[in-house]
Amino acid sequence: MKMTFLDRLRGLVRFAARHQGVFWTLHSLWALGWGIAFLAVGATRPQLLRFGLVSVGVVWLTSLVLPAVLASSWIPEEREGAARKLVLWGQKYLLQALAFFLLPLYHGSATYPSRQILFMVCLVLAALAATIDVVYDEFVARHRPLFGVFLAFIAFACVNITLPMAWQVGGVWNLAASGALATAVFVSFVARHEEGHPFRTAVRTAGVGLLFLALVTLGRPAVPPAPLKLATVHFGTRLAENGRDVATPLAFLPAGVPVRLMAVAAIRAPAGLREGVRHVWSVDGTVVREGRLIEITGGRGLGFRSRSGASFPALRPGQRVRLDVETAHGQLIGRAELGVRS
């Protein structure tokens, strides 16, 4: 008997159902390659960042609306599983591309080793979670508090770098916007409405929101200060005549001799961005001086040069003088060290 088109189609469906594990594995590998491609795009075309905000908005909206749509009579019960998979498939492509896009931008501003490693690990895990189908579909997306943290983190990472790179908004305004959006995303997934108790619902929601916002604010120093980058640091005992650099860069400090050090740190930033930075001097991890706040302006090819100085008593061989360059909010832009030799 001759097979009809529908018979062949049903056969393909049965074949796909029997081997769905293999197909999902192949799809995850394809998605990983798709994400790696965005690593290269993120490193060369950061101006596309503003589309990341659209991705966050689409995923946020569809995640909030999906449960209500599936619970309604709009979609037949036998089609609910397929509808959910279709929405999650679109979300994964958007989030995965965005997370991989952000990785090289944050990596370029991160300092290793430092507590910024924790943020980078979380960003890598977020990218992988959006890549592996079984992790996203059956674990992340099915647990609303976990999905709230996941999407809030992606939203924070996106806004935190998009505002300074696309619209030259930095400092406290960038902190407020990225923290507020991340908090709103998280609260929208964990807040529960109690019938007949609107005040209790409002208080609980506000409490959760304030707690999450406090955590975001306190964790700010662990976030790489993208798009700021420390280009160069030169140490010397005096400035050059033009005042732009040190007269003679030092490779090490002599032991047993009191010295006053000068440091010139060049910081790269996007054109038009203004940010406050400070120099923090330390010896063997003990802070000895914090410099004044210096306002830098982005757009200079070799970086905006910031300068400071500190006096040190006679140091012992093996000690290390370190300069940390930080933002006004405590984010580490970069560091440099100078050893002491006899």
Protein backbone atom coordinates (compact mmCIF):
# COMPACT_ATOMS: atom_id res chain seq x y z
CA MET A 1 0.00 0.00 0.00
CA LYS A 2 1.31 3.40 -0.96
CA MET A 3 2.27 5.68 1.93
CA THR A 4 0.67 9.09 2.03
CA PHE A 5 2.36 12.32 3.03
CA LEU A 6 0.68 12.21 6.45
CA ASP A 7 1.93 8.66 7.03
CA ARG A 8 5.49 9.78 6.30
CA LEU A 9 5.08 12.80 8.55
CA ARG A 10 3.82 10.62 11.42
CA GLY A 11 6.78 8.32 10.89
CA LEU A 12 9.19 11.25 11.16
CA VAL A 13 7.48 12.41 14.34
CA ARG A 14 7.78 8.93 15.89
CA PHE A 15 11.44 8.72 14.84
CA ALA A 16 12.17 12.12 16.39
CA ALA A 17 10.37 11.12 19.59
CA ARG A 18 12.40 7.89 19.90
CA HIS A 19 15.71 9.71 19.42
CA GLN A 20 14.90 13.04 21.04
CA GLY A 21 17.82 12.69 23.47
CA VAL A 22 20.28 12.53 20.59
CA PHE A 23 18.63 15.43 18.77
CA TRP A 24 18.63 17.65 21.87
CA THR A 25 22.32 16.85 22.45
CA LEU A 26 23.14 17.80 18.86
CA HIS A 27 21.07 20.95 19.24
CA SER A 28 22.99 21.89 22.41
CA LEU A 29 26.30 21.42 20.57
CA TRP A 30 25.03 23.58 17.72
CA ALA A 31 23.90 26.20 20.24
CA LEU A 32 27.36 26.15 21.84
CA GLY A 33 28.92 26.88 18.45
CA TRP A 34 26.37 29.67 17.94
CA GLY A 35 27.39 31.16 21.28
CA ILE A 36 31.10 30.94 20.52
CA ALA A 37 30.45 32.93 17.33
CA PHE A 38 29.00 35.69 19.49
CA LEU A 39 32.24 35.74 21.51
CA ALA A 40 33.97 37.11 18.42
CA VAL A 41 31.12 39.49 17.63
CA GLY A 42 31.13 40.89 21.17
CA ALA A 43 34.85 41.59 20.99
CA THR A 44 34.60 43.50 17.69
CA ARG A 45 31.13 45.12 17.58
CA PRO A 46 30.13 46.34 21.05
CA GLN A 47 27.75 48.89 19.48
CA LEU A 48 25.23 46.05 19.11
CA LEU A 49 24.79 46.01 22.88
CA ARG A 50 21.56 48.01 22.78
CA PHE A 51 19.87 45.04 21.11
CA GLY A 52 20.69 43.09 24.25
CA LEU A 53 18.18 45.22 26.12
CA VAL A 54 15.53 44.09 23.63
CA SER A 55 16.49 40.46 24.28
CA VAL A 56 16.12 40.92 28.04
CA GLY A 57 12.75 42.60 27.58
CA VAL A 58 11.41 39.87 25.29
CA VAL A 59 12.49 37.06 27.62
CA TRP A 60 11.13 38.87 30.67
CA LEU A 61 7.74 39.51 29.04
CA THR A 62 7.31 36.03 27.58
CA SER A 63 8.30 34.39 30.87
CA LEU A 64 5.66 36.33 32.78
CA VAL A 65 2.94 35.81 30.17
CA LEU A 66 3.62 32.15 29.31
CA PRO A 67 2.03 30.55 32.44
CA ALA A 68 -1.17 32.57 31.96
CA VAL A 69 -1.36 31.69 28.27
CA LEU A 70 -0.87 27.98 28.93
CA ALA A 71 -3.51 28.05 31.68
CA SER A 72 -6.06 29.72 29.39
CA SER A 73 -8.25 28.13 26.75
CA TRP A 74 -6.34 29.76 23.90
CA ILE A 75 -4.03 26.77 23.42
CA PRO A 76 -5.40 23.19 23.33
CA GLU A 77 -4.10 21.00 26.15
CA GLU A 78 -2.33 18.64 23.77
CA ARG A 79 -0.41 21.61 22.29
CA GLU A 80 0.74 23.15 25.58
CA GLY A 81 4.00 21.20 25.69
CA ALA A 82 4.91 22.20 22.14
CA ALA A 83 4.01 25.84 22.81
CA ARG A 84 6.19 25.92 25.92
CA LYS A 85 9.14 24.37 24.07
CA LEU A 86 8.78 26.90 21.25
CA VAL A 87 8.87 29.86 23.67
CA LEU A 88 11.82 28.41 25.61
CA TRP A 89 13.66 27.75 22.36
CA GLY A 90 13.39 31.43 21.42
CA GLN A 91 14.42 32.53 24.90
CA LYS A 92 17.51 30.33 24.85
CA TYR A 93 18.75 31.76 21.58
CA LEU A 94 18.31 35.33 22.81
CA LEU A 95 19.89 34.79 26.24
CA GLN A 96 22.68 32.58 25.01
CA ALA A 97 23.73 35.05 22.31
CA LEU A 98 23.59 37.91 24.83
CA ALA A 99 25.60 36.10 27.53
CA PHE A 100 28.33 35.04 25.10
CA PHE A 101 28.32 38.56 23.63
CA LEU A 102 28.96 40.03 27.09
CA LEU A 103 31.78 37.65 28.02
CA PRO A 104 34.67 39.27 26.05
CA LEU A 105 33.55 42.77 27.06
CA TYR A 106 33.68 41.97 30.77
CA HIS A 107 36.78 39.80 30.39
CA GLY A 108 38.64 42.76 28.88
CA SER A 109 37.98 44.82 32.02
CA ALA A 110 38.37 42.08 34.64
CA THR A 111 41.41 41.82 36.90
CA TYR A 112 42.81 38.36 37.63
CA PRO A 113 43.18 37.26 40.36
CA SER A 114 40.54 39.26 42.23
CA ARG A 115 36.98 38.78 43.46
CA GLN A 116 35.85 39.72 39.95
CA ILE A 117 36.53 36.08 39.08
CA LEU A 118 33.24 35.22 40.82
CA PHE A 119 31.28 37.47 38.45
CA MET A 120 33.02 36.01 35.41
CA VAL A 121 32.28 32.45 36.58
CA CYS A 122 28.60 33.37 37.02
CA LEU A 123 28.50 34.87 33.52
CA VAL A 124 30.04 31.73 32.02
CA LEU A 125 27.56 29.53 33.91
CA ALA A 126 24.67 31.71 32.70
CA ALA A 127 25.84 31.32 29.10
CA LEU A 128 26.13 27.54 29.49
CA ALA A 129 22.74 27.30 31.22
CA ALA A 130 21.14 28.98 28.20
CA THR A 131 23.04 26.64 25.88
CA ILE A 132 22.25 23.21 27.37
CA ASP A 133 18.60 22.47 26.62
CA VAL A 134 17.90 20.10 29.50
CA VAL A 135 19.39 22.53 32.03
CA TYR A 136 17.38 25.52 30.82
CA ASP A 137 14.10 23.74 30.03
CA GLU A 138 13.85 21.35 32.96
CA PHE A 139 15.76 23.12 35.72
CA VAL A 140 16.16 26.88 35.30
CA ALA A 141 12.85 27.69 33.60
CA ARG A 142 10.75 25.46 35.89
CA HIS A 143 11.84 27.11 39.16
CA ARG A 144 10.64 30.71 39.27
CA PRO A 145 12.99 31.96 42.05
CA LEU A 146 15.98 30.44 40.26
CA PHE A 147 14.84 31.83 36.91
CA GLY A 148 14.34 35.22 38.59
CA VAL A 149 17.95 35.23 39.82
CA PHE A 150 19.19 33.99 36.44
CA LEU A 151 17.37 36.62 34.37
CA ALA A 152 18.07 39.39 36.91
CA PHE A 153 21.80 38.64 36.65
CA ILE A 154 21.70 38.75 32.83
CA ALA A 155 19.69 42.00 32.95
CA PHE A 156 22.16 43.60 35.37
CA ALA A 157 25.17 42.53 33.28
CA CYS A 158 23.55 43.89 30.11
CA VAL A 159 22.42 47.29 31.45
CA ASN A 160 25.62 47.79 33.47
CA ILE A 161 27.74 47.81 30.32
CA THR A 162 25.22 49.07 27.74
CA LEU A 163 24.58 52.44 29.42
CA PRO A 164 28.24 53.54 29.49
CA MET A 165 29.10 52.12 26.06
CA ALA A 166 26.00 53.14 24.10
CA TRP A 167 24.87 56.29 25.91
CA GLN A 168 27.93 57.32 28.01
CA VAL A 169 25.98 57.02 31.28
CA GLY A 170 28.27 55.97 34.12
CA GLY A 171 28.74 56.42 37.83
CA VAL A 172 25.81 56.39 40.23
CA TRP A 173 23.19 56.59 37.45
CA ASN A 174 24.48 53.41 35.86
CA LEU A 175 24.52 51.69 39.25
CA ALA A 176 20.97 52.82 40.00
CA ALA A 177 19.56 51.79 36.62
CA SER A 178 21.18 48.35 36.45
CA GLY A 179 20.41 47.59 40.10
CA ALA A 180 16.79 48.76 39.82
CA LEU A 181 16.11 46.70 36.68
CA ALA A 182 17.70 43.58 38.16
CA THR A 183 15.59 44.02 41.30
CA ALA A 184 12.39 44.52 39.29
CA VAL A 185 13.08 41.37 37.26
CA PHE A 186 13.73 39.28 40.36
CA VAL A 187 10.71 40.57 42.29
CA SER A 188 8.38 39.93 39.33
CA PHE A 189 9.13 36.20 39.59
CA VAL A 190 9.06 35.73 43.37
CA ALA A 191 6.28 38.12 44.46
CA ARG A 192 3.00 36.36 45.22
CA HIS A 193 -0.39 38.04 45.42
CA GLU A 194 -2.51 37.08 48.43
CA GLU A 195 -6.24 37.49 47.95
CA GLY A 196 -7.70 39.83 50.56
CA HIS A 197 -4.30 40.91 51.90
CA PRO A 198 -3.03 43.66 49.57
CA PHE A 199 -1.03 45.41 52.30
CA ARG A 200 0.76 42.20 53.30
CA THR A 201 1.53 41.48 49.66
CA ALA A 202 2.93 44.99 49.13
CA VAL A 203 5.09 44.84 52.28
CA ARG A 204 6.47 41.42 51.40
CA THR A 205 7.21 42.46 47.83
CA ALA A 206 8.91 45.67 48.97
CA GLY A 207 10.97 43.74 51.53
CA VAL A 208 12.16 41.22 48.96
CA GLY A 209 12.96 44.02 46.52
CA LEU A 210 14.96 46.04 49.06
CA LEU A 211 16.90 42.96 50.16
CA PHE A 212 17.79 42.04 46.59
CA LEU A 213 18.74 45.65 45.76
CA ALA A 214 21.01 45.75 48.83
CA LEU A 215 22.72 42.54 47.69
CA VAL A 216 23.22 43.97 44.20
CA THR A 217 24.69 47.18 45.63
CA LEU A 218 27.00 45.40 48.07
CA GLY A 219 28.20 43.09 45.32
CA ARG A 220 29.14 45.94 43.01
CA PRO A 221 32.91 45.78 43.82
CA ALA A 222 32.96 42.21 42.47
CA VAL A 223 31.74 43.39 39.04
CA PRO A 224 34.41 44.22 36.42
CA PRO A 225 34.18 47.97 35.63
CA ALA A 226 33.45 47.42 31.94
CA PRO A 227 34.06 49.24 29.68
CA LEU A 228 36.93 50.83 31.67
CA LYS A 229 40.34 49.24 31.08
CA LEU A 230 43.71 49.91 32.69
CA ALA A 231 46.07 50.42 29.75
CA THR A 232 49.44 51.12 31.42
CA VAL A 233 50.95 51.94 34.82
CA HIS A 234 54.40 53.49 35.23
CA PHE A 235 56.20 54.03 38.54
CA GLY A 236 58.93 56.60 39.10
CA THR A 237 60.41 58.96 41.67
CA ARG A 238 59.36 62.10 39.80
CA LEU A 239 57.25 63.21 36.86
CA ALA A 240 58.67 64.07 33.46
CA GLU A 241 58.86 67.73 32.45
CA ASN A 242 55.66 67.47 30.40
CA GLY A 243 53.84 66.00 33.43
CA ARG A 244 52.30 63.23 31.35
CA ASP A 245 54.48 60.37 32.55
CA VAL A 246 57.23 59.58 35.02
CA ALA A 247 60.73 60.75 34.16
CA THR A 248 62.38 57.34 34.50
CA PRO A 249 60.20 54.24 34.91
CA LEU A 250 61.30 51.95 37.73
CA ALA A 251 61.50 48.17 37.43
CA PHE A 252 61.97 47.66 41.20
CA LEU A 253 62.57 49.57 44.45
CA PRO A 254 65.89 49.54 46.31
CA ALA A 255 65.71 48.14 49.84
CA GLY A 256 66.61 50.18 52.92
CA VAL A 257 66.05 53.59 51.30
CA PRO A 258 63.08 55.89 52.03
CA VAL A 259 61.42 56.87 48.77
CA ARG A 260 58.56 58.90 47.38
CA LEU A 261 56.91 57.15 44.46
CA MET A 262 54.88 58.65 41.66
CA ALA A 263 52.52 56.60 39.50
CA VAL A 264 50.91 57.43 36.17
CA ALA A 265 48.03 55.11 35.24
CA ALA A 266 46.40 55.36 31.80
CA ILE A 267 42.74 54.28 31.66
CA ARG A 268 40.83 53.60 28.45
CA ALA A 269 37.13 54.48 28.28
CA PRO A 270 34.55 55.14 25.51
CA ALA A 271 34.44 58.66 24.09
CA GLY A 272 32.22 60.97 26.11
CA LEU A 273 32.11 58.80 29.24
CA ARG A 274 33.08 60.52 32.49
CA GLU A 275 34.00 58.45 35.52
CA GLY A 276 35.66 59.04 38.88
CA VAL A 277 38.71 56.94 39.78
CA ARG A 278 41.17 56.85 42.65
CA HIS A 279 44.58 55.33 43.36
CA VAL A 280 44.99 53.08 46.40
CA TRP A 281 48.57 52.39 47.54
CA SER A 282 49.45 49.38 49.70
CA VAL A 283 52.48 47.46 50.96
CA ASP A 284 52.11 43.68 51.22
CA GLY A 285 48.33 44.05 51.18
CA THR A 286 48.13 46.80 53.84
CA VAL A 287 46.67 50.06 52.53
CA VAL A 288 48.94 53.03 53.26
CA ARG A 289 47.28 55.76 51.19
CA GLU A 290 44.08 56.40 49.24
CA GLY A 291 44.33 59.14 46.65
CA ARG A 292 41.74 61.77 45.87
CA LEU A 293 38.97 61.14 43.36
CA ILE A 294 40.10 61.93 39.80
CA GLU A 295 37.56 62.51 37.04
CA ILE A 296 38.60 60.92 33.76
CA THR A 297 37.13 61.49 30.31
CA GLY A 298 36.98 58.71 27.73
CA GLY A 299 37.96 58.80 24.09
CA ARG A 300 41.75 59.11 24.30
CA GLY A 301 43.60 56.52 22.25
CA LEU A 302 46.37 55.90 24.78
CA GLY A 303 44.04 56.31 27.74
CA PHE A 304 43.36 59.12 30.20
CA ARG A 305 46.41 59.53 32.45
CA SER A 306 45.74 59.71 36.18
CA ARG A 307 48.54 60.53 38.63
CA SER A 308 49.24 60.14 42.33
CA GLY A 309 52.13 59.78 44.74
CA ALA A 310 52.95 58.14 48.07
CA SER A 311 55.90 58.18 50.46
CA PHE A 312 57.40 54.98 51.86
CA PRO A 313 59.93 54.35 54.62
CA ALA A 314 62.88 52.03 54.10
CA LEU A 315 61.41 48.75 52.84
CA ARG A 316 62.77 45.24 53.23
CA PRO A 317 63.79 42.97 50.35
CA GLY A 318 60.87 40.85 49.19
CA GLN A 319 58.19 43.38 50.09
CA ARG A 320 55.83 44.53 47.36
CA VAL A 321 54.30 47.95 46.72
CA ARG A 322 50.96 47.72 44.95
CA LEU A 323 48.80 50.31 43.24
CA ASP A 324 45.09 49.54 42.80
CA VAL A 325 43.13 51.78 40.43
CA GLU A 326 39.46 51.79 41.47
CA THR A 327 36.24 53.53 40.52
CA ALA A 328 34.45 55.79 42.98
CA HIS A 329 32.25 52.80 43.89
CA GLY A 330 35.13 50.46 44.68
CA GLN A 331 35.33 48.52 41.41
CA LEU A 332 38.87 47.44 40.64
CA ILE A 333 39.96 48.71 37.21
CA GLY A 334 43.41 47.17 37.44
CA ARG A 335 46.54 46.92 39.55
CA ALA A 336 50.29 47.01 39.24
CA GLU A 337 53.08 45.95 41.62
CA LEU A 338 56.68 46.93 42.25
CA GLY A 339 59.04 44.58 44.08
CA VAL A 340 61.73 45.56 46.59
CA ARG A 341 65.26 44.26 46.02
CA SER A 342 68.49 44.62 47.94
